[in-house]
């Protein structure tokens, strides 16, 4: 699906191992995923993520799903499919926190807990993405003389991204 190999991920079945290749044609361009079930003799291409304009950064596998962390969000496919992908939306959590960016750089499932790493924080779900807890960490700027809070701005008002529009900053 591309010339630049960004990642190689094994997916284990009972009787064989599927090898996934995250390959890019050019940096920053959408691309397809490819996989082989016969140790690289033949390859199949999964085009759906490329068609929606996604750049895949990471793949992870649970007992039921394949998770793709992409520039367009977190996608999942049935464990034995890999051709049909659905977006897993990270909504507002119980505390009112919302991920302000669609990008998901990495995902992993550990002990039935799904973690999605984004530029805006960590999204955690323990029920396959039905509900989420969003975690952010930043240190407040402190006055070194009297430990009073001087200034804190979150999200960064000068960060410019297509998915975050700050009405106070004019983009030229």
C-alpha atoms as a PDB file:
ATOM      1  CA  UNK A   1       0.000   0.000   0.000  1.00  0.00           C
ATOM      2  CA  UNK A   2       3.027   2.307   0.296  1.00  0.00           C
ATOM      3  CA  UNK A   3       6.807   2.550   0.135  1.00  0.00           C
ATOM      4  CA  UNK A   4       7.664   3.794   3.627  1.00  0.00           C
ATOM      5  CA  UNK A   5       7.207   1.177   6.343  1.00  0.00           C
ATOM      6  CA  UNK A   6       6.001   2.944   9.480  1.00  0.00           C
ATOM      7  CA  UNK A   7       4.941  -0.119  11.457  1.00  0.00           C
ATOM      8  CA  UNK A   8       4.697  -3.889  11.294  1.00  0.00           C
ATOM      9  CA  UNK A   9       2.196  -5.505  13.652  1.00  0.00           C
ATOM     10  CA  UNK A  10       1.507  -9.236  14.089  1.00  0.00           C
ATOM     11  CA  UNK A  11      -2.079 -10.384  14.677  1.00  0.00           C
ATOM     12  CA  UNK A  12      -2.276 -13.872  16.150  1.00  0.00           C
ATOM     13  CA  UNK A  13      -4.966 -16.361  15.155  1.00  0.00           C
ATOM     14  CA  UNK A  14      -5.181 -19.957  16.385  1.00  0.00           C
ATOM     15  CA  UNK A  15      -3.604 -21.476  13.270  1.00  0.00           C
ATOM     16  CA  UNK A  16      -1.653 -18.633  11.637  1.00  0.00           C
ATOM     17  CA  UNK A  17      -0.244 -15.150  12.147  1.00  0.00           C
ATOM     18  CA  UNK A  18      -1.435 -12.231  10.037  1.00  0.00           C
ATOM     19  CA  UNK A  19       1.199  -9.540   9.498  1.00  0.00           C
ATOM     20  CA  UNK A  20      -0.075  -5.972   9.125  1.00  0.00           C
ATOM     21  CA  UNK A  21       2.022  -3.279   7.464  1.00  0.00           C
ATOM     22  CA  UNK A  22       1.442   0.402   8.120  1.00  0.00           C
ATOM     23  CA  UNK A  23       3.051   1.920   5.044  1.00  0.00           C
ATOM     24  CA  UNK A  24       2.927   5.469   3.761  1.00  0.00           C
ATOM     25  CA  UNK A  25       3.336   6.704   0.196  1.00  0.00           C
ATOM     26  CA  UNK A  26       4.407  10.189   1.326  1.00  0.00           C
ATOM     27  CA  UNK A  27       4.507  11.740   4.796  1.00  0.00           C
ATOM     28  CA  UNK A  28       1.268  13.448   5.735  1.00  0.00           C
ATOM     29  CA  UNK A  29      -0.815  11.785   2.993  1.00  0.00           C
ATOM     30  CA  UNK A  30      -3.629   9.328   3.574  1.00  0.00           C
ATOM     31  CA  UNK A  31      -2.816   5.702   2.826  1.00  0.00           C
ATOM     32  CA  UNK A  32      -4.204   2.185   2.826  1.00  0.00           C
ATOM     33  CA  UNK A  33      -3.244  -0.647   5.161  1.00  0.00           C
ATOM     34  CA  UNK A  34      -1.981  -3.993   3.944  1.00  0.00           C
ATOM     35  CA  UNK A  35      -1.740  -7.444   5.463  1.00  0.00           C
ATOM     36  CA  UNK A  36      -0.486 -10.908   4.616  1.00  0.00           C
ATOM     37  CA  UNK A  37      -1.691 -14.285   5.852  1.00  0.00           C
ATOM     38  CA  UNK A  38       1.085 -16.287   4.152  1.00  0.00           C
ATOM     39  CA  UNK A  39       4.319 -14.761   5.464  1.00  0.00           C
ATOM     40  CA  UNK A  40       4.524 -12.097   2.759  1.00  0.00           C
ATOM     41  CA  UNK A  41       3.964 -14.254  -0.316  1.00  0.00           C
ATOM     42  CA  UNK A  42       0.774 -12.290  -1.128  1.00  0.00           C
ATOM     43  CA  UNK A  43      -0.671  -9.103   0.333  1.00  0.00           C
ATOM     44  CA  UNK A  44      -4.209  -7.796   0.675  1.00  0.00           C
ATOM     45  CA  UNK A  45      -4.939  -4.070   0.780  1.00  0.00           C
ATOM     46  CA  UNK A  46      -7.578  -2.455   2.970  1.00  0.00           C
ATOM     47  CA  UNK A  47      -8.484   0.871   1.298  1.00  0.00           C
ATOM     48  CA  UNK A  48     -11.280   2.277   3.480  1.00  0.00           C
ATOM     49  CA  UNK A  49      -9.061   4.359   5.778  1.00  0.00           C
ATOM     50  CA  UNK A  50      -7.267   5.838   2.773  1.00  0.00           C
ATOM     51  CA  UNK A  51     -10.614   6.728   1.178  1.00  0.00           C
ATOM     52  CA  UNK A  52     -11.660   8.780   4.209  1.00  0.00           C
ATOM     53  CA  UNK A  53      -8.313  10.620   4.205  1.00  0.00           C
ATOM     54  CA  UNK A  54      -6.853   8.919   7.297  1.00  0.00           C
ATOM     55  CA  UNK A  55      -3.199   8.543   8.182  1.00  0.00           C
ATOM     56  CA  UNK A  56      -2.716   5.445  10.349  1.00  0.00           C
ATOM     57  CA  UNK A  57      -0.197   5.786  13.188  1.00  0.00           C
ATOM     58  CA  UNK A  58      -0.768   2.602  15.183  1.00  0.00           C
ATOM     59  CA  UNK A  59      -2.635  -0.729  15.173  1.00  0.00           C
ATOM     60  CA  UNK A  60      -3.619  -2.794  18.191  1.00  0.00           C
ATOM     61  CA  UNK A  61      -5.606  -6.013  18.577  1.00  0.00           C
ATOM     62  CA  UNK A  62      -8.014  -7.275  21.214  1.00  0.00           C
ATOM     63  CA  UNK A  63      -9.837 -10.603  21.250  1.00  0.00           C
ATOM     64  CA  UNK A  64     -12.706  -9.047  19.268  1.00  0.00           C
ATOM     65  CA  UNK A  65     -11.374  -6.036  17.359  1.00  0.00           C
ATOM     66  CA  UNK A  66      -8.552  -4.432  15.449  1.00  0.00           C
ATOM     67  CA  UNK A  67      -8.014  -0.802  16.512  1.00  0.00           C
ATOM     68  CA  UNK A  68      -6.456   1.759  14.163  1.00  0.00           C
ATOM     69  CA  UNK A  69      -5.240   5.051  15.650  1.00  0.00           C
ATOM     70  CA  UNK A  70      -5.473   7.599  12.841  1.00  0.00           C
ATOM     71  CA  UNK A  71      -5.426  11.288  11.999  1.00  0.00           C
ATOM     72  CA  UNK A  72      -9.220  11.079  11.650  1.00  0.00           C
ATOM     73  CA  UNK A  73      -9.941   9.353  14.965  1.00  0.00           C
ATOM     74  CA  UNK A  74      -9.962   5.875  16.441  1.00  0.00           C
ATOM     75  CA  UNK A  75     -11.332   3.191  14.116  1.00  0.00           C
ATOM     76  CA  UNK A  76     -12.103  -0.456  14.733  1.00  0.00           C
ATOM     77  CA  UNK A  77     -12.758  -3.525  12.614  1.00  0.00           C
ATOM     78  CA  UNK A  78     -13.886  -7.038  13.492  1.00  0.00           C
ATOM     79  CA  UNK A  79     -10.935  -9.172  14.527  1.00  0.00           C
ATOM     80  CA  UNK A  80     -11.024 -11.342  11.411  1.00  0.00           C
ATOM     81  CA  UNK A  81     -12.032  -8.679   8.859  1.00  0.00           C
ATOM     82  CA  UNK A  82      -9.708  -5.678   8.473  1.00  0.00           C
ATOM     83  CA  UNK A  83     -11.502  -4.345   5.395  1.00  0.00           C
ATOM     84  CA  UNK A  84     -14.530  -2.677   7.029  1.00  0.00           C
ATOM     85  CA  UNK A  85     -13.727   0.046   9.576  1.00  0.00           C
ATOM     86  CA  UNK A  86     -16.059   1.988  11.886  1.00  0.00           C
ATOM     87  CA  UNK A  87     -15.208   5.104  13.844  1.00  0.00           C
ATOM     88  CA  UNK A  88     -15.214   4.852  17.612  1.00  0.00           C
ATOM     89  CA  UNK A  89     -16.315   8.280  18.816  1.00  0.00           C
ATOM     90  CA  UNK A  90     -14.804   9.624  22.023  1.00  0.00           C
ATOM     91  CA  UNK A  91     -17.641  11.780  23.401  1.00  0.00           C
ATOM     92  CA  UNK A  92     -17.680  14.052  26.421  1.00  0.00           C
ATOM     93  CA  UNK A  93     -16.979  12.140  29.630  1.00  0.00           C
ATOM     94  CA  UNK A  94     -18.900  12.246  32.940  1.00  0.00           C
ATOM     95  CA  UNK A  95     -16.899  15.264  34.121  1.00  0.00           C
ATOM     96  CA  UNK A  96     -17.679  17.290  30.981  1.00  0.00           C
ATOM     97  CA  UNK A  97     -14.214  16.851  29.470  1.00  0.00           C
ATOM     98  CA  UNK A  98     -14.000  16.548  25.678  1.00  0.00           C
ATOM     99  CA  UNK A  99     -11.105  15.657  23.402  1.00  0.00           C
ATOM    100  CA  UNK A 100     -10.648  18.745  21.218  1.00  0.00           C
ATOM    101  CA  UNK A 101      -8.780  17.019  18.393  1.00  0.00           C
ATOM    102  CA  UNK A 102      -9.683  14.087  16.120  1.00  0.00           C
ATOM    103  CA  UNK A 103      -6.140  12.707  15.977  1.00  0.00           C
ATOM    104  CA  UNK A 104      -5.397   9.520  17.880  1.00  0.00           C
ATOM    105  CA  UNK A 105      -1.698   8.696  17.854  1.00  0.00           C
ATOM    106  CA  UNK A 106      -1.858   5.391  19.679  1.00  0.00           C
ATOM    107  CA  UNK A 107      -4.287   2.927  21.178  1.00  0.00           C
ATOM    108  CA  UNK A 108      -3.903  -0.154  23.304  1.00  0.00           C
ATOM    109  CA  UNK A 109      -6.206  -2.479  25.167  1.00  0.00           C
ATOM    110  CA  UNK A 110      -4.946  -3.963  28.414  1.00  0.00           C
ATOM    111  CA  UNK A 111      -7.066  -5.994  30.842  1.00  0.00           C
ATOM    112  CA  UNK A 112     -10.194  -4.932  28.916  1.00  0.00           C
ATOM    113  CA  UNK A 113      -9.298  -1.232  29.340  1.00  0.00           C
ATOM    114  CA  UNK A 114      -9.014   0.684  26.061  1.00  0.00           C
ATOM    115  CA  UNK A 115      -6.574   3.610  26.060  1.00  0.00           C
ATOM    116  CA  UNK A 116      -6.438   6.171  23.249  1.00  0.00           C
ATOM    117  CA  UNK A 117      -3.575   8.678  23.218  1.00  0.00           C
ATOM    118  CA  UNK A 118      -4.392  12.016  21.588  1.00  0.00           C
ATOM    119  CA  UNK A 119      -2.631  15.385  21.344  1.00  0.00           C
ATOM    120  CA  UNK A 120      -5.273  16.652  23.781  1.00  0.00           C
ATOM    121  CA  UNK A 121      -5.108  13.988  26.487  1.00  0.00           C
ATOM    122  CA  UNK A 122      -5.666  10.335  27.226  1.00  0.00           C
ATOM    123  CA  UNK A 123      -9.098   8.775  26.698  1.00  0.00           C
ATOM    124  CA  UNK A 124      -9.790   5.645  28.772  1.00  0.00           C
ATOM    125  CA  UNK A 125     -12.729   3.250  28.395  1.00  0.00           C
ATOM    126  CA  UNK A 126     -13.447   0.068  30.318  1.00  0.00           C
ATOM    127  CA  UNK A 127     -16.589  -0.853  28.332  1.00  0.00           C
ATOM    128  CA  UNK A 128     -15.377  -1.076  24.705  1.00  0.00           C
ATOM    129  CA  UNK A 129     -15.799   2.638  24.018  1.00  0.00           C
ATOM    130  CA  UNK A 130     -19.352   3.135  25.286  1.00  0.00           C
ATOM    131  CA  UNK A 131     -18.222   5.545  27.998  1.00  0.00           C
ATOM    132  CA  UNK A 132     -14.919   7.353  28.420  1.00  0.00           C
ATOM    133  CA  UNK A 133     -12.813   9.077  31.059  1.00  0.00           C
ATOM    134  CA  UNK A 134     -10.593  11.818  29.685  1.00  0.00           C
ATOM    135  CA  UNK A 135      -7.383  12.632  31.492  1.00  0.00           C
ATOM    136  CA  UNK A 136      -5.183  15.661  30.985  1.00  0.00           C
ATOM    137  CA  UNK A 137      -2.180  16.789  32.947  1.00  0.00           C
ATOM    138  CA  UNK A 138      -0.492  20.110  32.922  1.00  0.00           C
ATOM    139  CA  UNK A 139       1.422  21.999  35.539  1.00  0.00           C
ATOM    140  CA  UNK A 140       0.295  25.441  36.480  1.00  0.00           C
ATOM    141  CA  UNK A 141       2.860  28.181  36.111  1.00  0.00           C
ATOM    142  CA  UNK A 142       3.910  29.251  39.595  1.00  0.00           C
ATOM    143  CA  UNK A 143       5.546  32.425  40.821  1.00  0.00           C
ATOM    144  CA  UNK A 144       8.896  31.184  42.117  1.00  0.00           C
ATOM    145  CA  UNK A 145       8.863  33.771  44.951  1.00  0.00           C
ATOM    146  CA  UNK A 146       5.500  33.195  46.599  1.00  0.00           C
ATOM    147  CA  UNK A 147       3.990  30.094  44.922  1.00  0.00           C
ATOM    148  CA  UNK A 148       0.976  32.005  43.645  1.00  0.00           C
ATOM    149  CA  UNK A 149      -0.622  30.990  40.390  1.00  0.00           C
ATOM    150  CA  UNK A 150       0.607  33.386  37.743  1.00  0.00           C
ATOM    151  CA  UNK A 151      -0.991  32.195  34.516  1.00  0.00           C
ATOM    152  CA  UNK A 152      -2.395  29.046  32.999  1.00  0.00           C
ATOM    153  CA  UNK A 153      -3.966  28.630  29.567  1.00  0.00           C
ATOM    154  CA  UNK A 154      -5.503  25.408  28.391  1.00  0.00           C
ATOM    155  CA  UNK A 155      -5.923  24.651  25.601  1.00  0.00           C
ATOM    156  CA  UNK A 156      -3.076  26.647  24.154  1.00  0.00           C
ATOM    157  CA  UNK A 157      -4.756  29.694  22.551  1.00  0.00           C
ATOM    158  CA  UNK A 158      -1.959  29.972  19.976  1.00  0.00           C
ATOM    159  CA  UNK A 159      -2.154  26.367  18.774  1.00  0.00           C
ATOM    160  CA  UNK A 160      -3.461  26.333  15.206  1.00  0.00           C
ATOM    161  CA  UNK A 161      -5.006  23.154  13.857  1.00  0.00           C
ATOM    162  CA  UNK A 162      -7.766  22.449  11.370  1.00  0.00           C
ATOM    163  CA  UNK A 163      -9.858  20.749  14.043  1.00  0.00           C
ATOM    164  CA  UNK A 164      -9.551  23.459  16.709  1.00  0.00           C
ATOM    165  CA  UNK A 165     -10.692  26.953  15.846  1.00  0.00           C
ATOM    166  CA  UNK A 166      -9.963  29.685  18.361  1.00  0.00           C
ATOM    167  CA  UNK A 167     -12.245  32.637  17.715  1.00  0.00           C
ATOM    168  CA  UNK A 168      -9.796  35.017  19.422  1.00  0.00           C
ATOM    169  CA  UNK A 169      -6.886  34.297  17.088  1.00  0.00           C
ATOM    170  CA  UNK A 170      -7.128  35.375  13.465  1.00  0.00           C
ATOM    171  CA  UNK A 171      -5.591  32.807  11.155  1.00  0.00           C
ATOM    172  CA  UNK A 172      -3.878  34.411   8.188  1.00  0.00           C
END
